Amino acid sequence: MKKTVRISFEGKTYDVEVEVLDSAVSAAPAAPVAAPAPAPAAASAPAAAGGTEVKCPLAGSVFKLKVKVGDKVEANQEVAIIEALKMENPVVAPCAGTVNSISVKETDTVTDGQVLMTIA
């Protein structure tokens, strides 16, 4: 059986058609859905510039760079924040070392797997 429901999201109203599969399902309370944990930045083999690449874990925009060239970082230290789908997603250092280079600036649009910086 199909039903039309009206929902409001961020001040806009939408009419959505849904299919009710089982009356027992519709009577059950909705379980809260937890947001997935952000993926750690991917590490790769040493880059040509001499270091470990810190790659963007998802497409979005650079909200904040938390380090600059020459800063010492620890493994799993937050080095940047990527904004995607109105959520702030931390990017962490895959290893300890010194920031060699930064390939992006704040507000840049980035893609999944794009190199953000290198750490040596």
Protein backbone atom coordinates (compact mmCIF):
# COMPACT_ATOMS: atom_id res chain seq x y z
CA MET A 1 0.00 0.00 0.00
CA LYS A 2 1.37 3.43 -0.92
CA LYS A 3 0.91 6.50 1.24
CA THR A 4 1.80 10.13 0.76
CA VAL A 5 3.36 11.85 3.74
CA ARG A 6 4.34 15.48 4.18
CA ILE A 7 7.71 16.25 5.75
CA SER A 8 9.43 19.52 6.58
CA PHE A 9 13.19 19.90 6.41
CA GLU A 10 15.15 23.12 6.90
CA GLY A 11 12.05 25.25 6.42
CA LYS A 12 10.89 23.53 3.21
CA THR A 13 7.90 21.20 2.96
CA TYR A 14 7.91 18.08 0.78
CA ASP A 15 5.19 15.59 -0.14
CA VAL A 16 6.78 12.14 -0.33
CA GLU A 17 5.19 8.93 -1.55
CA VAL A 18 6.16 5.89 0.52
CA GLU A 19 5.24 2.24 0.28
CA VAL A 20 4.07 0.57 3.49
CA LEU A 21 5.37 -3.00 3.39
CA ASP A 22 3.97 -4.40 6.63
CA SER A 23 1.64 -2.95 9.24
CA ALA A 24 3.94 -4.29 12.01
CA VAL A 25 6.81 -2.26 10.54
CA SER A 26 4.84 0.98 10.52
CA ALA A 27 3.81 0.49 14.16
CA ALA A 28 7.39 0.00 15.35
CA PRO A 29 9.14 3.11 16.68
CA ALA A 30 11.90 4.44 14.48
CA ALA A 31 15.37 3.60 15.73
CA PRO A 32 17.86 6.47 15.84
CA VAL A 33 20.47 6.34 13.12
CA ALA A 34 24.04 7.15 14.12
CA ALA A 35 26.25 9.03 11.70
CA PRO A 36 29.14 6.93 10.41
CA ALA A 37 32.51 7.57 11.98
CA PRO A 38 34.77 9.62 9.76
CA ALA A 39 37.29 7.58 7.84
CA PRO A 40 40.91 8.23 8.72
CA ALA A 41 43.05 9.83 6.07
CA ALA A 42 44.60 7.30 3.76
CA ALA A 43 48.35 6.91 3.80
CA SER A 44 50.33 5.93 0.78
CA ALA A 45 53.90 5.16 -0.12
CA PRO A 46 56.28 8.08 0.28
CA ALA A 47 55.45 10.81 -2.20
CA ALA A 48 57.82 12.16 -4.81
CA ALA A 49 58.26 15.28 -2.65
CA GLY A 50 59.60 13.01 0.08
CA GLY A 51 56.90 12.12 2.56
CA THR A 52 53.65 10.35 3.28
CA GLU A 53 50.61 11.70 1.49
CA VAL A 54 47.59 12.74 3.53
CA LYS A 55 44.60 12.12 1.26
CA CYS A 56 41.10 13.52 1.49
CA PRO A 57 38.70 10.83 2.77
CA LEU A 58 35.64 12.27 0.94
CA ALA A 59 34.57 14.96 -1.50
CA GLY A 60 33.73 18.34 0.00
CA SER A 61 35.45 21.61 0.78
CA VAL A 62 38.37 22.44 3.03
CA PHE A 63 36.75 24.03 6.07
CA LYS A 64 39.91 24.45 8.16
CA LEU A 65 43.59 23.60 7.96
CA LYS A 66 44.86 22.94 11.48
CA VAL A 67 48.58 22.80 10.62
CA LYS A 68 51.05 24.70 8.47
CA VAL A 69 54.23 23.73 6.66
CA GLY A 70 56.97 22.96 9.19
CA ASP A 71 54.60 21.92 12.01
CA LYS A 72 55.40 18.67 13.79
CA VAL A 73 52.45 16.27 14.00
CA GLU A 74 51.72 13.01 15.79
CA ALA A 75 50.03 10.00 14.22
CA ASN A 76 46.22 10.38 14.33
CA GLN A 77 46.47 14.13 15.07
CA GLU A 78 43.72 16.15 13.38
CA VAL A 79 45.34 18.16 10.57
CA ALA A 80 42.33 19.41 8.60
CA ILE A 81 38.54 19.52 8.57
CA ILE A 82 36.57 18.77 5.41
CA GLU A 83 32.99 20.01 5.18
CA ALA A 84 30.63 17.70 3.30
CA LEU A 85 26.84 17.56 3.49
CA LYS A 86 26.90 20.27 6.18
CA MET A 87 29.02 18.03 8.43
CA GLU A 88 32.56 18.68 9.58
CA ASN A 89 34.76 15.63 8.95
CA PRO A 90 38.21 15.47 10.56
CA VAL A 91 41.27 14.40 8.58
CA VAL A 92 44.03 12.88 10.70
CA ALA A 93 47.74 12.41 10.11
CA PRO A 94 48.53 8.81 9.10
CA CYS A 95 51.97 9.05 10.74
CA ALA A 96 54.13 11.23 12.97
CA GLY A 97 56.49 13.70 11.33
CA THR A 98 56.79 17.22 9.98
CA VAL A 99 54.39 18.79 7.47
CA ASN A 100 56.41 19.08 4.23
CA SER A 101 53.83 20.63 1.94
CA ILE A 102 50.16 21.60 1.84
CA SER A 103 48.44 21.32 -1.55
CA VAL A 104 45.14 23.04 -0.69
CA LYS A 105 43.85 26.14 1.04
CA GLU A 106 40.74 26.78 3.10
CA THR A 107 37.52 26.93 1.02
CA ASP A 108 39.04 24.80 -1.80
CA THR A 109 36.77 22.11 -3.21
CA VAL A 110 38.39 18.68 -2.89
CA THR A 111 37.67 15.18 -4.18
CA ASP A 112 37.86 11.78 -2.55
CA GLY A 113 41.52 10.65 -2.56
CA GLN A 114 42.97 14.06 -3.40
CA VAL A 115 46.33 14.75 -1.72
CA LEU A 116 45.93 17.48 0.90
CA MET A 117 49.47 17.53 2.29
CA THR A 118 52.61 15.47 2.80
CA ILE A 119 54.30 14.54 6.06
CA ALA A 120 57.94 13.45 6.31
